[in-house]
Amino acid sequence: MFFWMYLVIELLAMFLDSGIIPMSNPAYPWFAAIYTGLVAATYTCLLINGFVGFQFAEDGTPLSLWFLRISCLAIWGLCFFLAIASAPPSAEHKHRYAVNPGGLISSNNEIANSKL
């Protein structure tokens, strides 16, 4: 389970870090939240796999496997929610208020041509 989670983490890291999904894209916070949740769930997976050596449940039994799956899913959900809840508003809204260079030129010409 750990290696599959690590594979998805590396795939998402390539998309997020390389700019394939730009930060101005409205989907970026969602992909970043999935990534954050997977990183936390992978750490939890490693932690629980470390406790298997103490034989709280026999390795490979349904109890051990489902405890691992459910706890990783719970940690992923918690971190996903926290990442989405704390994400800044989408950069999509900033484009509405961006300064238009053409508008600056025309407004400067209007100011220059106006009689004061």
Protein backbone atom coordinates (compact mmCIF):
# COMPACT_ATOMS: atom_id res chain seq x y z
CA MET A 1 0.00 0.00 0.00
CA PHE A 2 2.87 2.33 0.82
CA PHE A 3 4.45 2.07 -2.62
CA TRP A 4 1.17 2.77 -4.43
CA MET A 5 0.64 5.85 -2.31
CA TYR A 6 4.22 6.95 -2.93
CA LEU A 7 3.73 6.49 -6.68
CA VAL A 8 0.69 8.78 -6.68
CA ILE A 9 2.55 11.32 -4.52
CA GLU A 10 5.43 11.48 -6.97
CA LEU A 11 3.05 11.80 -9.92
CA LEU A 12 1.19 14.67 -8.26
CA ALA A 13 4.49 16.29 -7.26
CA MET A 14 5.57 16.30 -10.90
CA PHE A 15 2.32 17.99 -11.92
CA LEU A 16 2.37 20.56 -9.11
CA ASP A 17 6.09 21.41 -9.01
CA SER A 18 6.70 21.58 -12.75
CA GLY A 19 3.87 24.00 -13.41
CA ILE A 20 1.80 21.63 -15.53
CA ILE A 21 -1.02 22.71 -13.24
CA PRO A 22 -0.35 26.44 -12.78
CA MET A 23 -1.03 28.07 -9.45
CA SER A 24 -3.56 30.38 -11.10
CA ASN A 25 -5.66 27.38 -12.17
CA PRO A 26 -8.78 26.93 -10.00
CA ALA A 27 -8.00 23.20 -9.75
CA TYR A 28 -4.58 23.80 -8.17
CA PRO A 29 -5.79 23.96 -4.52
CA TRP A 30 -7.65 20.69 -5.02
CA PHE A 31 -4.61 18.89 -6.41
CA ALA A 32 -2.45 20.40 -3.67
CA ALA A 33 -4.93 19.21 -1.03
CA ILE A 34 -4.92 15.70 -2.48
CA TYR A 35 -1.12 15.79 -2.42
CA THR A 36 -1.02 17.02 1.19
CA GLY A 37 -3.47 14.36 2.32
CA LEU A 38 -1.53 11.63 0.56
CA VAL A 39 1.75 12.70 2.16
CA ALA A 40 0.18 12.57 5.63
CA ALA A 41 -1.52 9.25 4.88
CA THR A 42 1.77 7.78 3.66
CA TYR A 43 3.50 8.81 6.88
CA THR A 44 0.64 7.22 8.81
CA CYS A 45 1.01 4.06 6.73
CA LEU A 46 4.70 3.87 7.63
CA LEU A 47 3.94 4.49 11.29
CA ILE A 48 1.33 1.74 11.45
CA ASN A 49 3.58 -0.65 9.55
CA GLY A 50 6.19 0.01 12.24
CA PHE A 51 3.72 -1.08 14.92
CA VAL A 52 3.05 -4.38 13.15
CA GLY A 53 6.34 -5.64 14.59
CA PHE A 54 4.84 -5.30 18.08
CA GLN A 55 2.11 -7.77 17.04
CA PHE A 56 -0.92 -5.70 17.98
CA ALA A 57 -2.47 -7.64 15.11
CA GLU A 58 -0.93 -10.44 13.09
CA ASP A 59 0.57 -9.19 9.84
CA GLY A 60 -1.70 -9.78 6.85
CA THR A 61 -4.87 -10.51 8.81
CA PRO A 62 -8.05 -8.65 7.87
CA LEU A 63 -7.89 -6.74 11.18
CA SER A 64 -4.40 -5.47 10.42
CA LEU A 65 -5.14 -4.60 6.79
CA TRP A 66 -8.42 -2.83 7.44
CA PHE A 67 -6.97 -0.92 10.38
CA LEU A 68 -4.22 0.30 8.06
CA ARG A 69 -6.63 1.23 5.27
CA ILE A 70 -9.18 2.99 7.46
CA SER A 71 -6.61 4.94 9.46
CA CYS A 72 -4.84 6.08 6.28
CA LEU A 73 -8.16 7.11 4.76
CA ALA A 74 -9.11 9.02 7.93
CA ILE A 75 -5.80 10.88 8.03
CA TRP A 76 -6.05 11.62 4.30
CA GLY A 77 -9.57 13.01 4.76
CA LEU A 78 -8.56 15.16 7.72
CA CYS A 79 -5.53 16.65 5.97
CA PHE A 80 -7.45 17.10 2.71
CA PHE A 81 -10.15 19.04 4.54
CA LEU A 82 -7.61 21.19 6.40
CA ALA A 83 -5.74 21.97 3.18
CA ILE A 84 -8.92 22.96 1.33
CA ALA A 85 -10.25 24.95 4.29
CA SER A 86 -7.01 26.92 4.63
CA ALA A 87 -6.38 27.45 0.91
CA PRO A 88 -6.41 31.06 -0.20
CA PRO A 89 -9.11 32.16 -2.62
CA SER A 90 -8.49 31.13 -6.18
CA ALA A 91 -6.18 33.30 -8.23
CA GLU A 92 -8.90 33.27 -10.87
CA HIS A 93 -10.56 36.22 -9.13
CA LYS A 94 -7.41 38.32 -9.28
CA HIS A 95 -7.61 38.51 -13.05
CA ARG A 96 -10.85 40.48 -12.84
CA TYR A 97 -9.09 43.30 -11.05
CA ALA A 98 -5.84 43.17 -12.99
CA VAL A 99 -4.72 46.38 -14.60
CA ASN A 100 -5.20 46.43 -18.33
CA PRO A 101 -2.21 48.10 -20.04
CA GLY A 102 -4.45 49.23 -22.89
CA GLY A 103 -6.72 50.87 -20.37
CA LEU A 104 -3.77 52.70 -18.84
CA ILE A 105 -2.68 54.08 -22.17
CA SER A 106 -6.14 55.26 -23.09
CA SER A 107 -6.71 56.76 -19.65
CA ASN A 108 -3.33 58.50 -19.77
CA ASN A 109 -4.17 59.93 -23.17
CA GLU A 110 -7.48 61.16 -21.85
CA ILE A 111 -5.77 62.82 -18.94
CA ALA A 112 -3.10 64.33 -21.18
CA ASN A 113 -5.67 65.57 -23.68
CA SER A 114 -8.07 66.96 -21.12
CA LYS A 115 -8.03 70.66 -20.36
CA LEU A 116 -7.32 71.33 -16.74
